[in-house]
Amino acid sequence: RFCALAREVSARALDERAYDTQLKG
């Protein structure tokens, strides 16, 4: 759930949708 939240937050706050590789990191 946090990975999903992080993806949405990064896209909304920075216009950078976190890649799968970034979420694995």
mmCIF file of all heavy atoms, coordinates in Angstrom:
data_MODEL
# 
_entry.id   MODEL 
# 
loop_
_atom_site.group_PDB 
_atom_site.id 
_atom_site.type_symbol 
_atom_site.label_atom_id 
_atom_site.label_alt_id 
_atom_site.label_comp_id 
_atom_site.label_asym_id 
_atom_site.label_entity_id 
_atom_site.label_seq_id 
_atom_site.pdbx_PDB_ins_code 
_atom_site.Cartn_x 
_atom_site.Cartn_y 
_atom_site.Cartn_z 
_atom_site.occupancy 
_atom_site.B_iso_or_equiv 
_atom_site.pdbx_formal_charge 
_atom_site.auth_seq_id 
_atom_site.auth_comp_id 
_atom_site.auth_asym_id 
_atom_site.auth_atom_id 
_atom_site.pdbx_PDB_model_num 
ATOM 1   N N   . ARG A 1 1  ? 0.823  -1.211 0.000   1.00 0.00 ? 1  ARG A N   1 
ATOM 2   C CA  . ARG A 1 1  ? 0.000  0.000  0.000   1.00 0.00 ? 1  ARG A CA  1 
ATOM 3   C C   . ARG A 1 1  ? 0.856  1.259  0.000   1.00 0.00 ? 1  ARG A C   1 
ATOM 4   O O   . ARG A 1 1  ? 0.523  2.245  -0.655  1.00 0.00 ? 1  ARG A O   1 
ATOM 5   C CB  . ARG A 1 1  ? -0.958 -0.007 1.204   1.00 0.00 ? 1  ARG A CB  1 
ATOM 6   C CG  . ARG A 1 1  ? -2.136 -0.959 1.022   1.00 0.00 ? 1  ARG A CG  1 
ATOM 7   C CD  . ARG A 1 1  ? -3.162 -0.795 2.134   1.00 0.00 ? 1  ARG A CD  1 
ATOM 8   N NE  . ARG A 1 1  ? -3.725 0.555  2.225   1.00 0.00 ? 1  ARG A NE  1 
ATOM 9   C CZ  . ARG A 1 1  ? -4.653 1.026  1.404   1.00 0.00 ? 1  ARG A CZ  1 
ATOM 10  N NH1 . ARG A 1 1  ? -5.120 0.288  0.417   1.00 0.00 ? 1  ARG A NH1 1 
ATOM 11  N NH2 . ARG A 1 1  ? -5.128 2.251  1.574   1.00 0.00 ? 1  ARG A NH2 1 
ATOM 12  N N   . PHE A 1 2  ? 1.980  1.217  0.727   1.00 0.00 ? 2  PHE A N   1 
ATOM 13  C CA  . PHE A 1 2  ? 2.822  2.421  0.739   1.00 0.00 ? 2  PHE A CA  1 
ATOM 14  C C   . PHE A 1 2  ? 3.470  2.642  -0.624  1.00 0.00 ? 2  PHE A C   1 
ATOM 15  O O   . PHE A 1 2  ? 3.626  3.783  -1.049  1.00 0.00 ? 2  PHE A O   1 
ATOM 16  C CB  . PHE A 1 2  ? 3.890  2.334  1.825   1.00 0.00 ? 2  PHE A CB  1 
ATOM 17  C CG  . PHE A 1 2  ? 4.725  3.592  1.893   1.00 0.00 ? 2  PHE A CG  1 
ATOM 18  C CD1 . PHE A 1 2  ? 4.178  4.769  2.377   1.00 0.00 ? 2  PHE A CD1 1 
ATOM 19  C CD2 . PHE A 1 2  ? 6.027  3.613  1.422   1.00 0.00 ? 2  PHE A CD2 1 
ATOM 20  C CE1 . PHE A 1 2  ? 4.921  5.943  2.411   1.00 0.00 ? 2  PHE A CE1 1 
ATOM 21  C CE2 . PHE A 1 2  ? 6.782  4.771  1.454   1.00 0.00 ? 2  PHE A CE2 1 
ATOM 22  C CZ  . PHE A 1 2  ? 6.223  5.943  1.951   1.00 0.00 ? 2  PHE A CZ  1 
ATOM 23  N N   . CYS A 1 3  ? 3.875  1.570  -1.315  1.00 0.00 ? 3  CYS A N   1 
ATOM 24  C CA  . CYS A 1 3  ? 4.434  1.728  -2.660  1.00 0.00 ? 3  CYS A CA  1 
ATOM 25  C C   . CYS A 1 3  ? 3.416  2.392  -3.587  1.00 0.00 ? 3  CYS A C   1 
ATOM 26  O O   . CYS A 1 3  ? 3.754  3.272  -4.393  1.00 0.00 ? 3  CYS A O   1 
ATOM 27  C CB  . CYS A 1 3  ? 4.840  0.371  -3.229  1.00 0.00 ? 3  CYS A CB  1 
ATOM 28  S SG  . CYS A 1 3  ? 6.387  -0.282 -2.566  1.00 0.00 ? 3  CYS A SG  1 
ATOM 29  N N   . ALA A 1 4  ? 2.151  1.949  -3.482  1.00 0.00 ? 4  ALA A N   1 
ATOM 30  C CA  . ALA A 1 4  ? 1.092  2.553  -4.294  1.00 0.00 ? 4  ALA A CA  1 
ATOM 31  C C   . ALA A 1 4  ? 0.904  4.027  -3.939  1.00 0.00 ? 4  ALA A C   1 
ATOM 32  O O   . ALA A 1 4  ? 0.756  4.890  -4.822  1.00 0.00 ? 4  ALA A O   1 
ATOM 33  C CB  . ALA A 1 4  ? -0.210 1.788  -4.088  1.00 0.00 ? 4  ALA A CB  1 
ATOM 34  N N   . LEU A 1 5  ? 0.899  4.317  -2.640  1.00 0.00 ? 5  LEU A N   1 
ATOM 35  C CA  . LEU A 1 5  ? 0.781  5.705  -2.188  1.00 0.00 ? 5  LEU A CA  1 
ATOM 36  C C   . LEU A 1 5  ? 1.959  6.533  -2.683  1.00 0.00 ? 5  LEU A C   1 
ATOM 37  O O   . LEU A 1 5  ? 1.787  7.664  -3.167  1.00 0.00 ? 5  LEU A O   1 
ATOM 38  C CB  . LEU A 1 5  ? 0.719  5.737  -0.657  1.00 0.00 ? 5  LEU A CB  1 
ATOM 39  C CG  . LEU A 1 5  ? 0.737  7.128  -0.017  1.00 0.00 ? 5  LEU A CG  1 
ATOM 40  C CD1 . LEU A 1 5  ? -0.589 7.831  -0.243  1.00 0.00 ? 5  LEU A CD1 1 
ATOM 41  C CD2 . LEU A 1 5  ? 1.049  7.040  1.470   1.00 0.00 ? 5  LEU A CD2 1 
ATOM 42  N N   . ALA A 1 6  ? 3.164  5.981  -2.577  1.00 0.00 ? 6  ALA A N   1 
ATOM 43  C CA  . ALA A 1 6  ? 4.370  6.701  -2.999  1.00 0.00 ? 6  ALA A CA  1 
ATOM 44  C C   . ALA A 1 6  ? 4.322  7.028  -4.483  1.00 0.00 ? 6  ALA A C   1 
ATOM 45  O O   . ALA A 1 6  ? 4.727  8.121  -4.910  1.00 0.00 ? 6  ALA A O   1 
ATOM 46  C CB  . ALA A 1 6  ? 5.606  5.852  -2.688  1.00 0.00 ? 6  ALA A CB  1 
ATOM 47  N N   . ARG A 1 7  ? 3.818  6.089  -5.283  1.00 0.00 ? 7  ARG A N   1 
ATOM 48  C CA  . ARG A 1 7  ? 3.717  6.338  -6.729  1.00 0.00 ? 7  ARG A CA  1 
ATOM 49  C C   . ARG A 1 7  ? 2.768  7.495  -7.013  1.00 0.00 ? 7  ARG A C   1 
ATOM 50  O O   . ARG A 1 7  ? 3.060  8.379  -7.833  1.00 0.00 ? 7  ARG A O   1 
ATOM 51  C CB  . ARG A 1 7  ? 3.260  5.062  -7.426  1.00 0.00 ? 7  ARG A CB  1 
ATOM 52  C CG  . ARG A 1 7  ? 2.966  5.224  -8.909  1.00 0.00 ? 7  ARG A CG  1 
ATOM 53  C CD  . ARG A 1 7  ? 2.837  3.872  -9.581  1.00 0.00 ? 7  ARG A CD  1 
ATOM 54  N NE  . ARG A 1 7  ? 4.149  3.336  -9.891  1.00 0.00 ? 7  ARG A NE  1 
ATOM 55  C CZ  . ARG A 1 7  ? 4.377  2.072  -10.259 1.00 0.00 ? 7  ARG A CZ  1 
ATOM 56  N NH1 . ARG A 1 7  ? 3.373  1.206  -10.294 1.00 0.00 ? 7  ARG A NH1 1 
ATOM 57  N NH2 . ARG A 1 7  ? 5.587  1.671  -10.559 1.00 0.00 ? 7  ARG A NH2 1 
ATOM 58  N N   . GLU A 1 8  ? 1.629  7.522  -6.332  1.00 0.00 ? 8  GLU A N   1 
ATOM 59  C CA  . GLU A 1 8  ? 0.662  8.596  -6.550  1.00 0.00 ? 8  GLU A CA  1 
ATOM 60  C C   . GLU A 1 8  ? 1.201  9.934  -6.042  1.00 0.00 ? 8  GLU A C   1 
ATOM 61  O O   . GLU A 1 8  ? 1.049  10.968 -6.705  1.00 0.00 ? 8  GLU A O   1 
ATOM 62  C CB  . GLU A 1 8  ? -0.655 8.264  -5.847  1.00 0.00 ? 8  GLU A CB  1 
ATOM 63  C CG  . GLU A 1 8  ? -1.717 9.353  -5.935  1.00 0.00 ? 8  GLU A CG  1 
ATOM 64  C CD  . GLU A 1 8  ? -2.116 9.662  -7.368  1.00 0.00 ? 8  GLU A CD  1 
ATOM 65  O OE1 . GLU A 1 8  ? -1.987 8.784  -8.248  1.00 0.00 ? 8  GLU A OE1 1 
ATOM 66  O OE2 . GLU A 1 8  ? -2.573 10.801 -7.614  1.00 0.00 ? 8  GLU A OE2 1 
ATOM 67  N N   . VAL A 1 9  ? 1.848  9.932  -4.880  1.00 0.00 ? 9  VAL A N   1 
ATOM 68  C CA  . VAL A 1 9  ? 2.381  11.172 -4.309  1.00 0.00 ? 9  VAL A CA  1 
ATOM 69  C C   . VAL A 1 9  ? 3.476  11.754 -5.199  1.00 0.00 ? 9  VAL A C   1 
ATOM 70  O O   . VAL A 1 9  ? 3.517  12.966 -5.452  1.00 0.00 ? 9  VAL A O   1 
ATOM 71  C CB  . VAL A 1 9  ? 2.921  10.920 -2.887  1.00 0.00 ? 9  VAL A CB  1 
ATOM 72  C CG1 . VAL A 1 9  ? 3.757  12.104 -2.415  1.00 0.00 ? 9  VAL A CG1 1 
ATOM 73  C CG2 . VAL A 1 9  ? 1.770  10.675 -1.920  1.00 0.00 ? 9  VAL A CG2 1 
ATOM 74  N N   . SER A 1 10 ? 4.392  10.915 -5.686  1.00 0.00 ? 10 SER A N   1 
ATOM 75  C CA  . SER A 1 10 ? 5.488  11.424 -6.527  1.00 0.00 ? 10 SER A CA  1 
ATOM 76  C C   . SER A 1 10 ? 4.947  12.013 -7.822  1.00 0.00 ? 10 SER A C   1 
ATOM 77  O O   . SER A 1 10 ? 5.440  13.032 -8.312  1.00 0.00 ? 10 SER A O   1 
ATOM 78  C CB  . SER A 1 10 ? 6.498  10.316 -6.813  1.00 0.00 ? 10 SER A CB  1 
ATOM 79  O OG  . SER A 1 10 ? 5.915  9.257  -7.558  1.00 0.00 ? 10 SER A OG  1 
ATOM 80  N N   . ALA A 1 11 ? 3.918  11.361 -8.385  1.00 0.00 ? 11 ALA A N   1 
ATOM 81  C CA  . ALA A 1 11 ? 3.329  11.884 -9.616  1.00 0.00 ? 11 ALA A CA  1 
ATOM 82  C C   . ALA A 1 11 ? 2.632  13.214 -9.371  1.00 0.00 ? 11 ALA A C   1 
ATOM 83  O O   . ALA A 1 11 ? 2.720  14.150 -10.181 1.00 0.00 ? 11 ALA A O   1 
ATOM 84  C CB  . ALA A 1 11 ? 2.339  10.869 -10.189 1.00 0.00 ? 11 ALA A CB  1 
ATOM 85  N N   . ARG A 1 12 ? 1.940  13.316 -8.231  1.00 0.00 ? 12 ARG A N   1 
ATOM 86  C CA  . ARG A 1 12 ? 1.162  14.518 -7.943  1.00 0.00 ? 12 ARG A CA  1 
ATOM 87  C C   . ARG A 1 12 ? 2.051  15.674 -7.477  1.00 0.00 ? 12 ARG A C   1 
ATOM 88  O O   . ARG A 1 12 ? 1.823  16.831 -7.854  1.00 0.00 ? 12 ARG A O   1 
ATOM 89  C CB  . ARG A 1 12 ? 0.110  14.191 -6.880  1.00 0.00 ? 12 ARG A CB  1 
ATOM 90  C CG  . ARG A 1 12 ? -1.018 15.184 -6.806  1.00 0.00 ? 12 ARG A CG  1 
ATOM 91  C CD  . ARG A 1 12 ? -2.077 14.749 -5.806  1.00 0.00 ? 12 ARG A CD  1 
ATOM 92  N NE  . ARG A 1 12 ? -2.776 13.521 -6.179  1.00 0.00 ? 12 ARG A NE  1 
ATOM 93  C CZ  . ARG A 1 12 ? -3.860 13.066 -5.562  1.00 0.00 ? 12 ARG A CZ  1 
ATOM 94  N NH1 . ARG A 1 12 ? -4.369 13.759 -4.543  1.00 0.00 ? 12 ARG A NH1 1 
ATOM 95  N NH2 . ARG A 1 12 ? -4.430 11.934 -5.941  1.00 0.00 ? 12 ARG A NH2 1 
ATOM 96  N N   . ALA A 1 13 ? 3.063  15.385 -6.661  1.00 0.00 ? 13 ALA A N   1 
ATOM 97  C CA  . ALA A 1 13 ? 3.894  16.453 -6.082  1.00 0.00 ? 13 ALA A CA  1 
ATOM 98  C C   . ALA A 1 13 ? 5.019  16.903 -7.002  1.00 0.00 ? 13 ALA A C   1 
ATOM 99  O O   . ALA A 1 13 ? 5.384  18.081 -7.018  1.00 0.00 ? 13 ALA A O   1 
ATOM 100 C CB  . ALA A 1 13 ? 4.482  15.979 -4.753  1.00 0.00 ? 13 ALA A CB  1 
ATOM 101 N N   . LEU A 1 14 ? 5.577  15.958 -7.775  1.00 0.00 ? 14 LEU A N   1 
ATOM 102 C CA  . LEU A 1 14 ? 6.759  16.274 -8.589  1.00 0.00 ? 14 LEU A CA  1 
ATOM 103 C C   . LEU A 1 14 ? 6.551  16.026 -10.075 1.00 0.00 ? 14 LEU A C   1 
ATOM 104 O O   . LEU A 1 14 ? 7.470  16.265 -10.867 1.00 0.00 ? 14 LEU A O   1 
ATOM 105 C CB  . LEU A 1 14 ? 7.957  15.438 -8.115  1.00 0.00 ? 14 LEU A CB  1 
ATOM 106 C CG  . LEU A 1 14 ? 8.384  15.588 -6.652  1.00 0.00 ? 14 LEU A CG  1 
ATOM 107 C CD1 . LEU A 1 14 ? 9.503  14.602 -6.348  1.00 0.00 ? 14 LEU A CD1 1 
ATOM 108 C CD2 . LEU A 1 14 ? 8.833  17.012 -6.359  1.00 0.00 ? 14 LEU A CD2 1 
ATOM 109 N N   . ASP A 1 15 ? 5.387  15.523 -10.447 1.00 0.00 ? 15 ASP A N   1 
ATOM 110 C CA  . ASP A 1 15 ? 5.132  15.123 -11.835 1.00 0.00 ? 15 ASP A CA  1 
ATOM 111 C C   . ASP A 1 15 ? 6.137  14.058 -12.280 1.00 0.00 ? 15 ASP A C   1 
ATOM 112 O O   . ASP A 1 15 ? 6.585  14.042 -13.424 1.00 0.00 ? 15 ASP A O   1 
ATOM 113 C CB  . ASP A 1 15 ? 5.201  16.341 -12.768 1.00 0.00 ? 15 ASP A CB  1 
ATOM 114 C CG  . ASP A 1 15 ? 4.551  16.050 -14.121 1.00 0.00 ? 15 ASP A CG  1 
ATOM 115 O OD1 . ASP A 1 15 ? 3.684  15.153 -14.183 1.00 0.00 ? 15 ASP A OD1 1 
ATOM 116 O OD2 . ASP A 1 15 ? 4.930  16.699 -15.111 1.00 0.00 ? 15 ASP A OD2 1 
ATOM 117 N N   . GLU A 1 16 ? 6.501  13.178 -11.339 1.00 0.00 ? 16 GLU A N   1 
ATOM 118 C CA  . GLU A 1 16 ? 7.420  12.071 -11.631 1.00 0.00 ? 16 GLU A CA  1 
ATOM 119 C C   . GLU A 1 16 ? 6.795  10.787 -11.081 1.00 0.00 ? 16 GLU A C   1 
ATOM 120 O O   . GLU A 1 16 ? 6.850  10.535 -9.881  1.00 0.00 ? 16 GLU A O   1 
ATOM 121 C CB  . GLU A 1 16 ? 8.792  12.289 -10.980 1.00 0.00 ? 16 GLU A CB  1 
ATOM 122 C CG  . GLU A 1 16 ? 9.572  13.455 -11.539 1.00 0.00 ? 16 GLU A CG  1 
ATOM 123 C CD  . GLU A 1 16 ? 10.951 13.566 -10.900 1.00 0.00 ? 16 GLU A CD  1 
ATOM 124 O OE1 . GLU A 1 16 ? 11.429 12.569 -10.318 1.00 0.00 ? 16 GLU A OE1 1 
ATOM 125 O OE2 . GLU A 1 16 ? 11.543 14.662 -10.966 1.00 0.00 ? 16 GLU A OE2 1 
ATOM 126 N N   . ARG A 1 17 ? 6.212  10.002 -11.942 1.00 0.00 ? 17 ARG A N   1 
ATOM 127 C CA  . ARG A 1 17 ? 5.587  8.761  -11.503 1.00 0.00 ? 17 ARG A CA  1 
ATOM 128 C C   . ARG A 1 17 ? 6.676  7.717  -11.271 1.00 0.00 ? 17 ARG A C   1 
ATOM 129 O O   . ARG A 1 17 ? 7.408  7.357  -12.186 1.00 0.00 ? 17 ARG A O   1 
ATOM 130 C CB  . ARG A 1 17 ? 4.598  8.263  -12.558 1.00 0.00 ? 17 ARG A CB  1 
ATOM 131 C CG  . ARG A 1 17 ? 3.780  7.045  -12.133 1.00 0.00 ? 17 ARG A CG  1 
ATOM 132 C CD  . ARG A 1 17 ? 2.769  6.700  -13.230 1.00 0.00 ? 17 ARG A CD  1 
ATOM 133 N NE  . ARG A 1 17 ? 1.884  5.620  -12.799 1.00 0.00 ? 17 ARG A NE  1 
ATOM 134 C CZ  . ARG A 1 17 ? 2.170  4.331  -12.932 1.00 0.00 ? 17 ARG A CZ  1 
ATOM 135 N NH1 . ARG A 1 17 ? 3.327  3.962  -13.468 1.00 0.00 ? 17 ARG A NH1 1 
ATOM 136 N NH2 . ARG A 1 17 ? 1.309  3.414  -12.527 1.00 0.00 ? 17 ARG A NH2 1 
ATOM 137 N N   . ALA A 1 18 ? 6.810  7.263  -10.040 1.00 0.00 ? 18 ALA A N   1 
ATOM 138 C CA  . ALA A 1 18 ? 7.902  6.349  -9.686  1.00 0.00 ? 18 ALA A CA  1 
ATOM 139 C C   . ALA A 1 18 ? 7.832  5.067  -10.507 1.00 0.00 ? 18 ALA A C   1 
ATOM 140 O O   . ALA A 1 18 ? 6.774  4.454  -10.645 1.00 0.00 ? 18 ALA A O   1 
ATOM 141 C CB  . ALA A 1 18 ? 7.839  6.023  -8.192  1.00 0.00 ? 18 ALA A CB  1 
ATOM 142 N N   . TYR A 1 19 ? 8.979  4.676  -11.069 1.00 0.00 ? 19 TYR A N   1 
ATOM 143 C CA  . TYR A 1 19 ? 9.065  3.426  -11.826 1.00 0.00 ? 19 TYR A CA  1 
ATOM 144 C C   . TYR A 1 19 ? 8.996  2.231  -10.872 1.00 0.00 ? 19 TYR A C   1 
ATOM 145 O O   . TYR A 1 19 ? 9.211  2.351  -9.661  1.00 0.00 ? 19 TYR A O   1 
ATOM 146 C CB  . TYR A 1 19 ? 10.401 3.340  -12.575 1.00 0.00 ? 19 TYR A CB  1 
ATOM 147 C CG  . TYR A 1 19 ? 10.685 4.465  -13.526 1.00 0.00 ? 19 TYR A CG  1 
ATOM 148 C CD1 . TYR A 1 19 ? 11.927 5.096  -13.515 1.00 0.00 ? 19 TYR A CD1 1 
ATOM 149 C CD2 . TYR A 1 19 ? 9.738  4.890  -14.453 1.00 0.00 ? 19 TYR A CD2 1 
ATOM 150 C CE1 . TYR A 1 19 ? 12.225 6.128  -14.399 1.00 0.00 ? 19 TYR A CE1 1 
ATOM 151 C CE2 . TYR A 1 19 ? 10.015 5.925  -15.335 1.00 0.00 ? 19 TYR A CE2 1 
ATOM 152 C CZ  . TYR A 1 19 ? 11.260 6.543  -15.304 1.00 0.00 ? 19 TYR A CZ  1 
ATOM 153 O OH  . TYR A 1 19 ? 11.538 7.547  -16.169 1.00 0.00 ? 19 TYR A OH  1 
ATOM 154 N N   . ASP A 1 20 ? 8.753  1.048  -11.446 1.00 0.00 ? 20 ASP A N   1 
ATOM 155 C CA  . ASP A 1 20 ? 8.802  -0.172 -10.640 1.00 0.00 ? 20 ASP A CA  1 
ATOM 156 C C   . ASP A 1 20 ? 10.176 -0.346 -10.002 1.00 0.00 ? 20 ASP A C   1 
ATOM 157 O O   . ASP A 1 20 ? 10.288 -0.801 -8.856  1.00 0.00 ? 20 ASP A O   1 
ATOM 158 C CB  . ASP A 1 20 ? 8.484  -1.399 -11.507 1.00 0.00 ? 20 ASP A CB  1 
ATOM 159 C CG  . ASP A 1 20 ? 7.005  -1.483 -11.867 1.00 0.00 ? 20 ASP A CG  1 
ATOM 160 O OD1 . ASP A 1 20 ? 6.208  -0.749 -11.250 1.00 0.00 ? 20 ASP A OD1 1 
ATOM 161 O OD2 . ASP A 1 20 ? 6.661  -2.279 -12.759 1.00 0.00 ? 20 ASP A OD2 1 
ATOM 162 N N   . THR A 1 21 ? 11.234 0.007  -10.761 1.00 0.00 ? 21 THR A N   1 
ATOM 163 C CA  . THR A 1 21 ? 12.592 -0.144 -10.217 1.00 0.00 ? 21 THR A CA  1 
ATOM 164 C C   . THR A 1 21 ? 12.797 0.761  -9.010  1.00 0.00 ? 21 THR A C   1 
ATOM 165 O O   . THR A 1 21 ? 13.454 0.371  -8.037  1.00 0.00 ? 21 THR A O   1 
ATOM 166 C CB  . THR A 1 21 ? 13.636 0.181  -11.298 1.00 0.00 ? 21 THR A CB  1 
ATOM 167 O OG1 . THR A 1 21 ? 13.329 1.458  -11.895 1.00 0.00 ? 21 THR A OG1 1 
ATOM 168 C CG2 . THR A 1 21 ? 13.640 -0.882 -12.380 1.00 0.00 ? 21 THR A CG2 1 
ATOM 169 N N   . GLN A 1 22 ? 12.223 1.959  -9.050  1.00 0.00 ? 22 GLN A N   1 
ATOM 170 C CA  . GLN A 1 22 ? 12.352 2.866  -7.912  1.00 0.00 ? 22 GLN A CA  1 
ATOM 171 C C   . GLN A 1 22 ? 11.579 2.338  -6.705  1.00 0.00 ? 22 GLN A C   1 
ATOM 172 O O   . GLN A 1 22 ? 12.034 2.453  -5.568  1.00 0.00 ? 22 GLN A O   1 
ATOM 173 C CB  . GLN A 1 22 ? 11.868 4.262  -8.293  1.00 0.00 ? 22 GLN A CB  1 
ATOM 174 C CG  . GLN A 1 22 ? 12.802 4.971  -9.278  1.00 0.00 ? 22 GLN A CG  1 
ATOM 175 C CD  . GLN A 1 22 ? 12.249 6.303  -9.725  1.00 0.00 ? 22 GLN A CD  1 
ATOM 176 O OE1 . GLN A 1 22 ? 11.145 6.373  -10.265 1.00 0.00 ? 22 GLN A OE1 1 
ATOM 177 N NE2 . GLN A 1 22 ? 12.995 7.369  -9.498  1.00 0.00 ? 22 GLN A NE2 1 
ATOM 178 N N   . LEU A 1 23 ? 10.412 1.762  -6.961  1.00 0.00 ? 23 LEU A N   1 
ATOM 179 C CA  . LEU A 1 23 ? 9.635  1.204  -5.853  1.00 0.00 ? 23 LEU A CA  1 
ATOM 180 C C   . LEU A 1 23 ? 10.342 0.002  -5.237  1.00 0.00 ? 23 LEU A C   1 
ATOM 181 O O   . LEU A 1 23 ? 10.265 -0.215 -4.022  1.00 0.00 ? 23 LEU A O   1 
ATOM 182 C CB  . LEU A 1 23 ? 8.237  0.808  -6.337  1.00 0.00 ? 23 LEU A CB  1 
ATOM 183 C CG  . LEU A 1 23 ? 7.334  1.966  -6.791  1.00 0.00 ? 23 LEU A CG  1 
ATOM 184 C CD1 . LEU A 1 23 ? 5.957  1.443  -7.183  1.00 0.00 ? 23 LEU A CD1 1 
ATOM 185 C CD2 . LEU A 1 23 ? 7.205  3.040  -5.711  1.00 0.00 ? 23 LEU A CD2 1 
ATOM 186 N N   . LYS A 1 24 ? 11.043 -0.787 -6.055  1.00 0.00 ? 24 LYS A N   1 
ATOM 187 C CA  . LYS A 1 24 ? 11.808 -1.894 -5.489  1.00 0.00 ? 24 LYS A CA  1 
ATOM 188 C C   . LYS A 1 24 ? 12.930 -1.353 -4.594  1.00 0.00 ? 24 LYS A C   1 
ATOM 189 O O   . LYS A 1 24 ? 13.203 -1.885 -3.515  1.00 0.00 ? 24 LYS A O   1 
ATOM 190 C CB  . LYS A 1 24 ? 12.400 -2.777 -6.584  1.00 0.00 ? 24 LYS A CB  1 
ATOM 191 C CG  . LYS A 1 24 ? 13.141 -3.987 -6.006  1.00 0.00 ? 24 LYS A CG  1 
ATOM 192 C CD  . LYS A 1 24 ? 13.585 -4.966 -7.071  1.00 0.00 ? 24 LYS A CD  1 
ATOM 193 C CE  . LYS A 1 24 ? 14.264 -6.182 -6.431  1.00 0.00 ? 24 LYS A CE  1 
ATOM 194 N NZ  . LYS A 1 24 ? 14.692 -7.191 -7.430  1.00 0.00 ? 24 LYS A NZ  1 
ATOM 195 N N   . GLY A 1 25 ? 13.574 -0.275 -5.039  1.00 0.00 ? 25 GLY A N   1 
ATOM 196 C CA  . GLY A 1 25 ? 14.588 0.362  -4.197  1.00 0.00 ? 25 GLY A CA  1 
ATOM 197 C C   . GLY A 1 25 ? 13.990 0.876  -2.908  1.00 0.00 ? 25 GLY A C   1 
ATOM 198 O O   . GLY A 1 25 ? 14.599 0.788  -1.838  1.00 0.00 ? 25 GLY A O   1 
# 
